[in-house]
């Protein structure tokens, strides 16, 4: 039985004799590039990169967050003003037979 150090010595002595073609590295990178181009996600990312590239920058990201929060507050406030009583809204959403008398402003 061979010990680890003997095996390691044999592996160090062995020299691989495989000859690679001169264009091997170029071909590998060409295939990688072709695979990336063919991927659906890379095409979608490339398509969205132009119109949404500004959102990846700090100022654009802050503006997008502010716009999202502001829009949510605006829409949430409108919903609250339409249905002042949450209990009534819940009852109406659970049972279609509940009819309530509300004064619309």
PDB file of N, CA and C in Angstrom:
ATOM      1  N   UNK A   1       0.841  -1.171   0.000  1.00  0.00           N
ATOM      2  CA  UNK A   1       0.000   0.000   0.000  1.00  0.00           C
ATOM      3  C   UNK A   1       0.889   1.238   0.000  1.00  0.00           C
ATOM      4  N   UNK A   2       0.480   2.235  -0.790  1.00  0.00           N
ATOM      5  CA  UNK A   2       1.268   3.442  -0.963  1.00  0.00           C
ATOM      6  C   UNK A   2       0.825   4.503   0.056  1.00  0.00           C
ATOM      7  N   UNK A   3       1.778   5.206   0.615  1.00  0.00           N
ATOM      8  CA  UNK A   3       1.461   6.274   1.568  1.00  0.00           C
ATOM      9  C   UNK A   3       1.133   7.553   0.805  1.00  0.00           C
ATOM     10  N   UNK A   4       0.617   8.489   1.535  1.00  0.00           N
ATOM     11  CA  UNK A   4       0.242   9.765   0.920  1.00  0.00           C
ATOM     12  C   UNK A   4       1.454  10.495   0.353  1.00  0.00           C
ATOM     13  N   UNK A   5       2.550  10.461   1.058  1.00  0.00           N
ATOM     14  CA  UNK A   5       3.741  11.171   0.582  1.00  0.00           C
ATOM     15  C   UNK A   5       4.301  10.513  -0.679  1.00  0.00           C
ATOM     16  N   UNK A   6       4.257   9.176  -0.765  1.00  0.00           N
ATOM     17  CA  UNK A   6       4.722   8.488  -1.976  1.00  0.00           C
ATOM     18  C   UNK A   6       3.825   8.825  -3.172  1.00  0.00           C
ATOM     19  N   UNK A   7       2.532   8.827  -2.922  1.00  0.00           N
ATOM     20  CA  UNK A   7       1.587   9.172  -3.993  1.00  0.00           C
ATOM     21  C   UNK A   7       1.794  10.613  -4.447  1.00  0.00           C
ATOM     22  N   UNK A   8       1.991  11.490  -3.502  1.00  0.00           N
ATOM     23  CA  UNK A   8       2.235  12.890  -3.834  1.00  0.00           C
ATOM     24  C   UNK A   8       3.505  13.040  -4.664  1.00  0.00           C
ATOM     25  N   UNK A   9       4.553  12.288  -4.321  1.00  0.00           N
ATOM     26  CA  UNK A   9       5.798  12.319  -5.087  1.00  0.00           C
ATOM     27  C   UNK A   9       5.587  11.823  -6.506  1.00  0.00           C
ATOM     28  N   UNK A  10       4.836  10.749  -6.678  1.00  0.00           N
ATOM     29  CA  UNK A  10       4.541  10.244  -8.028  1.00  0.00           C
ATOM     30  C   UNK A  10       3.772  11.263  -8.856  1.00  0.00           C
ATOM     31  N   UNK A  11       2.813  11.904  -8.226  1.00  0.00           N
ATOM     32  CA  UNK A  11       2.029  12.913  -8.945  1.00  0.00           C
ATOM     33  C   UNK A  11       2.898  14.099  -9.371  1.00  0.00           C
ATOM     34  N   UNK A  12       3.828  14.485  -8.522  1.00  0.00           N
ATOM     35  CA  UNK A  12       4.726  15.591  -8.868  1.00  0.00           C
ATOM     36  C   UNK A  12       5.668  15.209 -10.012  1.00  0.00           C
ATOM     37  N   UNK A  13       6.071  13.940 -10.102  1.00  0.00           N
ATOM     38  CA  UNK A  13       6.984  13.489 -11.153  1.00  0.00           C
ATOM     39  C   UNK A  13       6.289  13.385 -12.507  1.00  0.00           C
ATOM     40  N   UNK A  14       5.012  13.099 -12.480  1.00  0.00           N
ATOM     41  CA  UNK A  14       4.315  12.903 -13.757  1.00  0.00           C
ATOM     42  C   UNK A  14       4.155  14.236 -14.480  1.00  0.00           C
ATOM     43  N   UNK A  15       4.359  14.200 -15.758  1.00  0.00           N
ATOM     44  CA  UNK A  15       4.207  15.391 -16.601  1.00  0.00           C
ATOM     45  C   UNK A  15       3.115  15.106 -17.624  1.00  0.00           C
ATOM     46  N   UNK A  16       2.079  15.882 -17.646  1.00  0.00           N
ATOM     47  CA  UNK A  16       1.020  15.649 -18.624  1.00  0.00           C
ATOM     48  C   UNK A  16       1.545  15.890 -20.043  1.00  0.00           C
ATOM     49  N   UNK A  17       1.103  15.065 -20.954  1.00  0.00           N
ATOM     50  CA  UNK A  17       1.588  15.170 -22.334  1.00  0.00           C
ATOM     51  C   UNK A  17       0.501  15.631 -23.299  1.00  0.00           C
ATOM     52  N   UNK A  18      -0.552  16.198 -22.782  1.00  0.00           N
ATOM     53  CA  UNK A  18      -1.650  16.659 -23.641  1.00  0.00           C
ATOM     54  C   UNK A  18      -1.240  17.968 -24.299  1.00  0.00           C
ATOM     55  N   UNK A  19      -1.355  18.014 -25.612  1.00  0.00           N
ATOM     56  CA  UNK A  19      -1.026  19.234 -26.362  1.00  0.00           C
ATOM     57  C   UNK A  19      -2.327  19.980 -26.633  1.00  0.00           C
ATOM     58  N   UNK A  20      -2.365  21.228 -26.250  1.00  0.00           N
ATOM     59  CA  UNK A  20      -3.535  22.055 -26.515  1.00  0.00           C
ATOM     60  C   UNK A  20      -3.319  22.803 -27.824  1.00  0.00           C
ATOM     61  N   UNK A  21      -4.359  22.951 -28.617  1.00  0.00           N
ATOM     62  CA  UNK A  21      -4.219  23.726 -29.846  1.00  0.00           C
ATOM     63  C   UNK A  21      -3.922  25.189 -29.510  1.00  0.00           C
ATOM     64  N   UNK A  22      -3.277  25.904 -30.381  1.00  0.00           N
ATOM     65  CA  UNK A  22      -2.909  27.289 -30.069  1.00  0.00           C
ATOM     66  C   UNK A  22      -4.120  28.210 -29.874  1.00  0.00           C
ATOM     67  N   UNK A  23      -5.251  27.861 -30.452  1.00  0.00           N
ATOM     68  CA  UNK A  23      -6.437  28.718 -30.325  1.00  0.00           C
ATOM     69  C   UNK A  23      -7.372  28.259 -29.207  1.00  0.00           C
ATOM     70  N   UNK A  24      -6.890  27.400 -28.324  1.00  0.00           N
ATOM     71  CA  UNK A  24      -7.743  26.837 -27.277  1.00  0.00           C
ATOM     72  C   UNK A  24      -8.359  27.922 -26.392  1.00  0.00           C
ATOM     73  N   UNK A  25      -7.538  28.819 -25.867  1.00  0.00           N
ATOM     74  CA  UNK A  25      -8.030  29.853 -24.953  1.00  0.00           C
ATOM     75  C   UNK A  25      -9.002  30.788 -25.661  1.00  0.00           C
ATOM     76  N   UNK A  26      -8.722  31.152 -26.895  1.00  0.00           N
ATOM     77  CA  UNK A  26      -9.619  32.013 -27.659  1.00  0.00           C
ATOM     78  C   UNK A  26     -10.963  31.333 -27.877  1.00  0.00           C
ATOM     79  N   UNK A  27     -10.929  30.057 -28.196  1.00  0.00           N
ATOM     80  CA  UNK A  27     -12.173  29.303 -28.405  1.00  0.00           C
ATOM     81  C   UNK A  27     -13.002  29.212 -27.135  1.00  0.00           C
ATOM     82  N   UNK A  28     -12.346  29.015 -26.005  1.00  0.00           N
ATOM     83  CA  UNK A  28     -13.070  28.931 -24.734  1.00  0.00           C
ATOM     84  C   UNK A  28     -13.807  30.229 -24.461  1.00  0.00           C
ATOM     85  N   UNK A  29     -13.110  31.367 -24.623  1.00  0.00           N
ATOM     86  CA  UNK A  29     -13.748  32.659 -24.368  1.00  0.00           C
ATOM     87  C   UNK A  29     -14.842  32.955 -25.387  1.00  0.00           C
ATOM     88  N   UNK A  30     -14.674  32.512 -26.618  1.00  0.00           N
ATOM     89  CA  UNK A  30     -15.712  32.711 -27.637  1.00  0.00           C
ATOM     90  C   UNK A  30     -16.966  31.925 -27.267  1.00  0.00           C
ATOM     91  N   UNK A  31     -16.787  30.697 -26.800  1.00  0.00           N
ATOM     92  CA  UNK A  31     -17.939  29.890 -26.394  1.00  0.00           C
ATOM     93  C   UNK A  31     -18.648  30.473 -25.181  1.00  0.00           C
ATOM     94  N   UNK A  32     -17.887  30.990 -24.243  1.00  0.00           N
ATOM     95  CA  UNK A  32     -18.488  31.632 -23.070  1.00  0.00           C
ATOM     96  C   UNK A  32     -19.306  32.841 -23.500  1.00  0.00           C
ATOM     97  N   UNK A  33     -18.757  33.652 -24.388  1.00  0.00           N
ATOM     98  CA  UNK A  33     -19.486  34.829 -24.869  1.00  0.00           C
ATOM     99  C   UNK A  33     -20.760  34.430 -25.608  1.00  0.00           C
ATOM    100  N   UNK A  34     -20.684  33.383 -26.413  1.00  0.00           N
ATOM    101  CA  UNK A  34     -21.875  32.926 -27.137  1.00  0.00           C
ATOM    102  C   UNK A  34     -22.936  32.412 -26.162  1.00  0.00           C
ATOM    103  N   UNK A  35     -22.521  31.714 -25.125  1.00  0.00           N
ATOM    104  CA  UNK A  35     -23.478  31.192 -24.142  1.00  0.00           C
ATOM    105  C   UNK A  35     -24.149  32.327 -23.383  1.00  0.00           C
ATOM    106  N   UNK A  36     -23.389  33.370 -23.063  1.00  0.00           N
ATOM    107  CA  UNK A  36     -23.964  34.514 -22.365  1.00  0.00           C
ATOM    108  C   UNK A  36     -24.963  35.247 -23.255  1.00  0.00           C
ATOM    109  N   UNK A  37     -24.645  35.386 -24.531  1.00  0.00           N
ATOM    110  CA  UNK A  37     -25.559  36.061 -25.452  1.00  0.00           C
ATOM    111  C   UNK A  37     -26.850  35.274 -25.618  1.00  0.00           C
ATOM    112  N   UNK A  38     -26.762  33.958 -25.595  1.00  0.00           N
ATOM    113  CA  UNK A  38     -27.928  33.120 -25.821  1.00  0.00           C
ATOM    114  C   UNK A  38     -28.823  33.039 -24.591  1.00  0.00           C
ATOM    115  N   UNK A  39     -28.316  33.370 -23.424  1.00  0.00           N
ATOM    116  CA  UNK A  39     -29.102  33.242 -22.205  1.00  0.00           C
ATOM    117  C   UNK A  39     -30.233  34.263 -22.181  1.00  0.00           C
ATOM    118  N   UNK A  40     -31.400  33.827 -21.764  1.00  0.00           N
ATOM    119  CA  UNK A  40     -32.584  34.688 -21.703  1.00  0.00           C
ATOM    120  C   UNK A  40     -32.373  35.835 -20.736  1.00  0.00           C
ATOM    121  N   UNK A  41     -31.791  35.539 -19.573  1.00  0.00           N
ATOM    122  CA  UNK A  41     -31.614  36.581 -18.575  1.00  0.00           C
ATOM    123  C   UNK A  41     -30.634  37.657 -19.023  1.00  0.00           C
ATOM    124  N   UNK A  42     -29.623  37.268 -19.775  1.00  0.00           N
ATOM    125  CA  UNK A  42     -28.681  38.290 -20.240  1.00  0.00           C
ATOM    126  C   UNK A  42     -29.347  39.196 -21.267  1.00  0.00           C
ATOM    127  N   UNK A  43     -30.223  38.622 -22.106  1.00  0.00           N
ATOM    128  CA  UNK A  43     -30.949  39.457 -23.067  1.00  0.00           C
ATOM    129  C   UNK A  43     -31.909  40.401 -22.360  1.00  0.00           C
ATOM    130  N   UNK A  44     -32.607  39.909 -21.331  1.00  0.00           N
ATOM    131  CA  UNK A  44     -33.524  40.756 -20.575  1.00  0.00           C
ATOM    132  C   UNK A  44     -32.746  41.856 -19.857  1.00  0.00           C
ATOM    133  N   UNK A  45     -31.616  41.503 -19.265  1.00  0.00           N
ATOM    134  CA  UNK A  45     -30.795  42.492 -18.557  1.00  0.00           C
ATOM    135  C   UNK A  45     -30.284  43.563 -19.513  1.00  0.00           C
ATOM    136  N   UNK A  46     -29.842  43.150 -20.700  1.00  0.00           N
ATOM    137  CA  UNK A  46     -29.375  44.116 -21.692  1.00  0.00           C
ATOM    138  C   UNK A  46     -30.509  45.032 -22.139  1.00  0.00           C
ATOM    139  N   UNK A  47     -31.714  44.478 -22.275  1.00  0.00           N
ATOM    140  CA  UNK A  47     -32.860  45.252 -22.728  1.00  0.00           C
ATOM    141  C   UNK A  47     -33.276  46.276 -21.669  1.00  0.00           C
ATOM    142  N   UNK A  48     -33.176  45.903 -20.379  1.00  0.00           N
ATOM    143  CA  UNK A  48     -33.565  46.806 -19.293  1.00  0.00           C
ATOM    144  C   UNK A  48     -32.453  47.749 -18.868  1.00  0.00           C
ATOM    145  N   UNK A  49     -31.246  47.454 -19.276  1.00  0.00           N
ATOM    146  CA  UNK A  49     -30.098  48.248 -18.823  1.00  0.00           C
ATOM    147  C   UNK A  49     -30.209  49.706 -19.251  1.00  0.00           C
ATOM    148  N   UNK A  50     -30.630  49.940 -20.470  1.00  0.00           N
ATOM    149  CA  UNK A  50     -30.689  51.308 -20.967  1.00  0.00           C
ATOM    150  C   UNK A  50     -31.744  52.153 -20.245  1.00  0.00           C
ATOM    151  N   UNK A  51     -33.005  51.731 -20.205  1.00  0.00           N
ATOM    152  CA  UNK A  51     -33.980  52.615 -19.554  1.00  0.00           C
ATOM    153  C   UNK A  51     -33.867  52.650 -18.031  1.00  0.00           C
ATOM    154  N   UNK A  52     -33.333  51.609 -17.402  1.00  0.00           N
ATOM    155  CA  UNK A  52     -33.271  51.571 -15.944  1.00  0.00           C
ATOM    156  C   UNK A  52     -31.863  51.702 -15.390  1.00  0.00           C
ATOM    157  N   UNK A  53     -30.901  52.014 -16.231  1.00  0.00           N
ATOM    158  CA  UNK A  53     -29.521  52.148 -15.774  1.00  0.00           C
ATOM    159  C   UNK A  53     -29.347  53.258 -14.751  1.00  0.00           C
ATOM    160  N   UNK A  54     -30.158  54.306 -14.839  1.00  0.00           N
ATOM    161  CA  UNK A  54     -30.061  55.424 -13.896  1.00  0.00           C
ATOM    162  C   UNK A  54     -30.421  54.994 -12.475  1.00  0.00           C
ATOM    163  N   UNK A  55     -31.266  53.960 -12.326  1.00  0.00           N
ATOM    164  CA  UNK A  55     -31.690  53.522 -10.990  1.00  0.00           C
ATOM    165  C   UNK A  55     -30.572  52.806 -10.248  1.00  0.00           C
ATOM    166  N   UNK A  56     -29.520  52.386 -10.957  1.00  0.00           N
ATOM    167  CA  UNK A  56     -28.400  51.702 -10.316  1.00  0.00           C
ATOM    168  C   UNK A  56     -27.435  52.685  -9.674  1.00  0.00           C
ATOM    169  N   UNK A  57     -27.576  53.958  -9.975  1.00  0.00           N
ATOM    170  CA  UNK A  57     -26.710  54.984  -9.396  1.00  0.00           C
ATOM    171  C   UNK A  57     -27.344  55.485  -8.102  1.00  0.00           C
ATOM    172  N   UNK A  58     -26.548  55.968  -7.148  1.00  0.00           N
ATOM    173  CA  UNK A  58     -27.102  56.374  -5.849  1.00  0.00           C
ATOM    174  C   UNK A  58     -28.220  57.412  -5.950  1.00  0.00           C
ATOM    175  N   UNK A  59     -28.035  58.440  -6.746  1.00  0.00           N
ATOM    176  CA  UNK A  59     -29.060  59.476  -6.848  1.00  0.00           C
ATOM    177  C   UNK A  59     -30.341  58.913  -7.464  1.00  0.00           C
ATOM    178  N   UNK A  60     -30.203  58.085  -8.474  1.00  0.00           N
ATOM    179  CA  UNK A  60     -31.371  57.476  -9.097  1.00  0.00           C
ATOM    180  C   UNK A  60     -32.091  56.535  -8.148  1.00  0.00           C
ATOM    181  N   UNK A  61     -31.330  55.779  -7.362  1.00  0.00           N
ATOM    182  CA  UNK A  61     -31.940  54.848  -6.410  1.00  0.00           C
ATOM    183  C   UNK A  61     -32.709  55.605  -5.333  1.00  0.00           C
ATOM    184  N   UNK A  62     -32.146  56.705  -4.842  1.00  0.00           N
ATOM    185  CA  UNK A  62     -32.836  57.506  -3.831  1.00  0.00           C
ATOM    186  C   UNK A  62     -34.111  58.099  -4.425  1.00  0.00           C
ATOM    187  N   UNK A  63     -34.031  58.602  -5.654  1.00  0.00           N
ATOM    188  CA  UNK A  63     -35.210  59.165  -6.300  1.00  0.00           C
ATOM    189  C   UNK A  63     -36.286  58.110  -6.505  1.00  0.00           C
ATOM    190  N   UNK A  64     -35.900  56.916  -6.913  1.00  0.00           N
ATOM    191  CA  UNK A  64     -36.857  55.832  -7.119  1.00  0.00           C
ATOM    192  C   UNK A  64     -37.519  55.430  -5.803  1.00  0.00           C
ATOM    193  N   UNK A  65     -36.744  55.338  -4.735  1.00  0.00           N
ATOM    194  CA  UNK A  65     -37.317  55.007  -3.419  1.00  0.00           C
ATOM    195  C   UNK A  65     -38.287  56.098  -2.961  1.00  0.00           C
ATOM    196  N   UNK A  66     -37.904  57.365  -3.119  1.00  0.00           N
ATOM    197  CA  UNK A  66     -38.778  58.464  -2.710  1.00  0.00           C
ATOM    198  C   UNK A  66     -40.070  58.456  -3.515  1.00  0.00           C
ATOM    199  N   UNK A  67     -39.965  58.206  -4.805  1.00  0.00           N
ATOM    200  CA  UNK A  67     -41.151  58.148  -5.657  1.00  0.00           C
ATOM    201  C   UNK A  67     -42.054  56.992  -5.251  1.00  0.00           C
ATOM    202  N   UNK A  68     -41.475  55.847  -4.942  1.00  0.00           N
ATOM    203  CA  UNK A  68     -42.260  54.682  -4.527  1.00  0.00           C
ATOM    204  C   UNK A  68     -42.960  54.928  -3.195  1.00  0.00           C
ATOM    205  N   UNK A  69     -42.230  55.458  -2.212  1.00  0.00           N
ATOM    206  CA  UNK A  69     -42.832  55.733  -0.904  1.00  0.00           C
ATOM    207  C   UNK A  69     -43.906  56.808  -1.026  1.00  0.00           C
ATOM    208  N   UNK A  70     -43.617  57.863  -1.772  1.00  0.00           N
ATOM    209  CA  UNK A  70     -44.611  58.926  -1.966  1.00  0.00           C
ATOM    210  C   UNK A  70     -45.864  58.413  -2.653  1.00  0.00           C
ATOM    211  N   UNK A  71     -45.699  57.599  -3.677  1.00  0.00           N
ATOM    212  CA  UNK A  71     -46.853  57.028  -4.368  1.00  0.00           C
ATOM    213  C   UNK A  71     -47.655  56.119  -3.456  1.00  0.00           C
ATOM    214  N   UNK A  72     -46.978  55.334  -2.635  1.00  0.00           N
ATOM    215  CA  UNK A  72     -47.675  54.460  -1.694  1.00  0.00           C
ATOM    216  C   UNK A  72     -48.455  55.244  -0.663  1.00  0.00           C
ATOM    217  N   UNK A  73     -47.857  56.320  -0.154  1.00  0.00           N
ATOM    218  CA  UNK A  73     -48.566  57.159   0.811  1.00  0.00           C
ATOM    219  C   UNK A  73     -49.773  57.835   0.176  1.00  0.00           C
ATOM    220  N   UNK A  74     -49.590  58.304  -1.044  1.00  0.00           N
ATOM    221  CA  UNK A  74     -50.691  58.969  -1.741  1.00  0.00           C
ATOM    222  C   UNK A  74     -51.840  57.995  -1.998  1.00  0.00           C
ATOM    223  N   UNK A  75     -51.527  56.827  -2.520  1.00  0.00           N
ATOM    224  CA  UNK A  75     -52.570  55.850  -2.803  1.00  0.00           C
ATOM    225  C   UNK A  75     -53.177  55.294  -1.521  1.00  0.00           C
ATOM    226  N   UNK A  76     -52.380  55.096  -0.505  1.00  0.00           N
ATOM    227  CA  UNK A  76     -52.899  54.601   0.771  1.00  0.00           C
ATOM    228  C   UNK A  76     -53.813  55.617   1.432  1.00  0.00           C
ATOM    229  N   UNK A  77     -53.489  56.873   1.329  1.00  0.00           N
ATOM    230  CA  UNK A  77     -54.339  57.927   1.893  1.00  0.00           C
ATOM    231  C   UNK A  77     -55.668  58.025   1.173  1.00  0.00           C
ATOM    232  N   UNK A  78     -55.660  57.824  -0.129  1.00  0.00           N
ATOM    233  CA  UNK A  78     -56.910  57.874  -0.895  1.00  0.00           C
ATOM    234  C   UNK A  78     -57.824  56.727  -0.491  1.00  0.00           C
ATOM    235  N   UNK A  79     -57.256  55.555  -0.280  1.00  0.00           N
ATOM    236  CA  UNK A  79     -58.065  54.399   0.112  1.00  0.00           C
ATOM    237  C   UNK A  79     -58.690  54.629   1.483  1.00  0.00           C
ATOM    238  N   UNK A  80     -57.945  55.215   2.383  1.00  0.00           N
ATOM    239  CA  UNK A  80     -58.456  55.449   3.724  1.00  0.00           C
ATOM    240  C   UNK A  80     -59.593  56.455   3.691  1.00  0.00           C
ATOM    241  N   UNK A  81     -59.492  57.470   2.856  1.00  0.00           N
ATOM    242  CA  UNK A  81     -60.545  58.468   2.815  1.00  0.00           C
ATOM    243  C   UNK A  81     -61.822  57.915   2.188  1.00  0.00           C
ATOM    244  N   UNK A  82     -61.700  56.936   1.319  1.00  0.00           N
ATOM    245  CA  UNK A  82     -62.878  56.333   0.706  1.00  0.00           C
ATOM    246  C   UNK A  82     -63.601  55.415   1.673  1.00  0.00           C
ATOM    247  N   UNK A  83     -62.875  54.738   2.519  1.00  0.00           N
ATOM    248  CA  UNK A  83     -63.471  53.796   3.471  1.00  0.00           C
ATOM    249  C   UNK A  83     -63.023  54.197   4.887  1.00  0.00           C
ATOM    250  N   UNK A  84     -63.770  55.078   5.517  1.00  0.00           N
ATOM    251  CA  UNK A  84     -63.326  55.561   6.818  1.00  0.00           C
ATOM    252  C   UNK A  84     -63.391  54.503   7.918  1.00  0.00           C
ATOM    253  N   UNK A  85     -64.279  53.527   7.785  1.00  0.00           N
ATOM    254  CA  UNK A  85     -64.416  52.524   8.836  1.00  0.00           C
ATOM    255  C   UNK A  85     -63.882  51.189   8.339  1.00  0.00           C
ATOM    256  N   UNK A  86     -62.779  50.730   8.912  1.00  0.00           N
ATOM    257  CA  UNK A  86     -62.162  49.482   8.487  1.00  0.00           C
ATOM    258  C   UNK A  86     -63.028  48.270   8.758  1.00  0.00           C
ATOM    259  N   UNK A  87     -63.834  48.327   9.817  1.00  0.00           N
ATOM    260  CA  UNK A  87     -64.707  47.192  10.131  1.00  0.00           C
ATOM    261  C   UNK A  87     -65.757  46.986   9.048  1.00  0.00           C
ATOM    262  N   UNK A  88     -66.303  48.068   8.554  1.00  0.00           N
ATOM    263  CA  UNK A  88     -67.319  47.977   7.502  1.00  0.00           C
ATOM    264  C   UNK A  88     -66.681  47.421   6.231  1.00  0.00           C
ATOM    265  N   UNK A  89     -65.505  47.901   5.911  1.00  0.00           N
ATOM    266  CA  UNK A  89     -64.823  47.420   4.715  1.00  0.00           C
ATOM    267  C   UNK A  89     -64.530  45.929   4.827  1.00  0.00           C
ATOM    268  N   UNK A  90     -64.145  45.485   6.019  1.00  0.00           N
ATOM    269  CA  UNK A  90     -63.885  44.065   6.214  1.00  0.00           C
ATOM    270  C   UNK A  90     -65.157  43.249   6.035  1.00  0.00           C
ATOM    271  N   UNK A  91     -66.247  43.680   6.660  1.00  0.00           N
ATOM    272  CA  UNK A  91     -67.513  42.959   6.528  1.00  0.00           C
ATOM    273  C   UNK A  91     -67.958  42.882   5.068  1.00  0.00           C
ATOM    274  N   UNK A  92     -67.803  43.980   4.340  1.00  0.00           N
ATOM    275  CA  UNK A  92     -68.190  43.979   2.921  1.00  0.00           C
ATOM    276  C   UNK A  92     -67.314  43.041   2.103  1.00  0.00           C
ATOM    277  N   UNK A  93     -66.050  42.927   2.462  1.00  0.00           N
ATOM    278  CA  UNK A  93     -65.157  42.052   1.694  1.00  0.00           C
ATOM    279  C   UNK A  93     -65.404  40.578   2.004  1.00  0.00           C
ATOM    280  N   UNK A  94     -65.883  40.269   3.214  1.00  0.00           N
ATOM    281  CA  UNK A  94     -66.115  38.888   3.606  1.00  0.00           C
ATOM    282  C   UNK A  94     -67.464  38.388   3.114  1.00  0.00           C
ATOM    283  N   UNK A  95     -68.483  39.206   3.238  1.00  0.00           N
ATOM    284  CA  UNK A  95     -69.838  38.770   2.890  1.00  0.00           C
ATOM    285  C   UNK A  95     -70.444  39.712   1.869  1.00  0.00           C
ATOM    286  N   UNK A  96     -70.889  39.183   0.727  1.00  0.00           N
ATOM    287  CA  UNK A  96     -71.518  40.045  -0.271  1.00  0.00           C
ATOM    288  C   UNK A  96     -72.931  40.461   0.141  1.00  0.00           C
ATOM    289  N   UNK A  97     -73.475  39.867   1.208  1.00  0.00           N
ATOM    290  CA  UNK A  97     -74.841  40.179   1.638  1.00  0.00           C
ATOM    291  C   UNK A  97     -74.906  41.345   2.603  1.00  0.00           C
ATOM    292  N   UNK A  98     -73.755  41.811   3.079  1.00  0.00           N
ATOM    293  CA  UNK A  98     -73.738  42.936   4.010  1.00  0.00           C
ATOM    294  C   UNK A  98     -73.907  44.220   3.215  1.00  0.00           C
ATOM    295  N   UNK A  99     -74.952  44.940   3.523  1.00  0.00           N
ATOM    296  CA  UNK A  99     -75.208  46.236   2.878  1.00  0.00           C
ATOM    297  C   UNK A  99     -75.224  47.267   3.984  1.00  0.00           C
ATOM    298  N   UNK A 100     -74.392  48.261   3.854  1.00  0.00           N
ATOM    299  CA  UNK A 100     -74.318  49.280   4.896  1.00  0.00           C
ATOM    300  C   UNK A 100     -74.758  50.610   4.331  1.00  0.00           C
ATOM    301  N   UNK A 101     -75.265  51.445   5.214  1.00  0.00           N
ATOM    302  CA  UNK A 101     -75.661  52.810   4.848  1.00  0.00           C
ATOM    303  C   UNK A 101     -74.498  53.722   5.225  1.00  0.00           C
ATOM    304  N   UNK A 102     -73.901  54.340   4.205  1.00  0.00           N
ATOM    305  CA  UNK A 102     -72.808  55.284   4.459  1.00  0.00           C
ATOM    306  C   UNK A 102     -73.124  56.570   3.751  1.00  0.00           C
ATOM    307  N   UNK A 103     -72.666  57.614   4.323  1.00  0.00           N
ATOM    308  CA  UNK A 103     -72.824  58.898   3.643  1.00  0.00           C
ATOM    309  C   UNK A 103     -71.539  59.144   2.854  1.00  0.00           C
ATOM    310  N   UNK A 104     -71.665  59.320   1.560  1.00  0.00           N
ATOM    311  CA  UNK A 104     -70.501  59.589   0.694  1.00  0.00           C
ATOM    312  C   UNK A 104     -70.231  61.076   0.721  1.00  0.00           C
ATOM    313  N   UNK A 105     -68.980  61.434   0.897  1.00  0.00           N
ATOM    314  CA  UNK A 105     -68.607  62.855   0.929  1.00  0.00           C
ATOM    315  C   UNK A 105     -68.186  63.317  -0.426  1.00  0.00           C
TER     316      UNK A 105
END
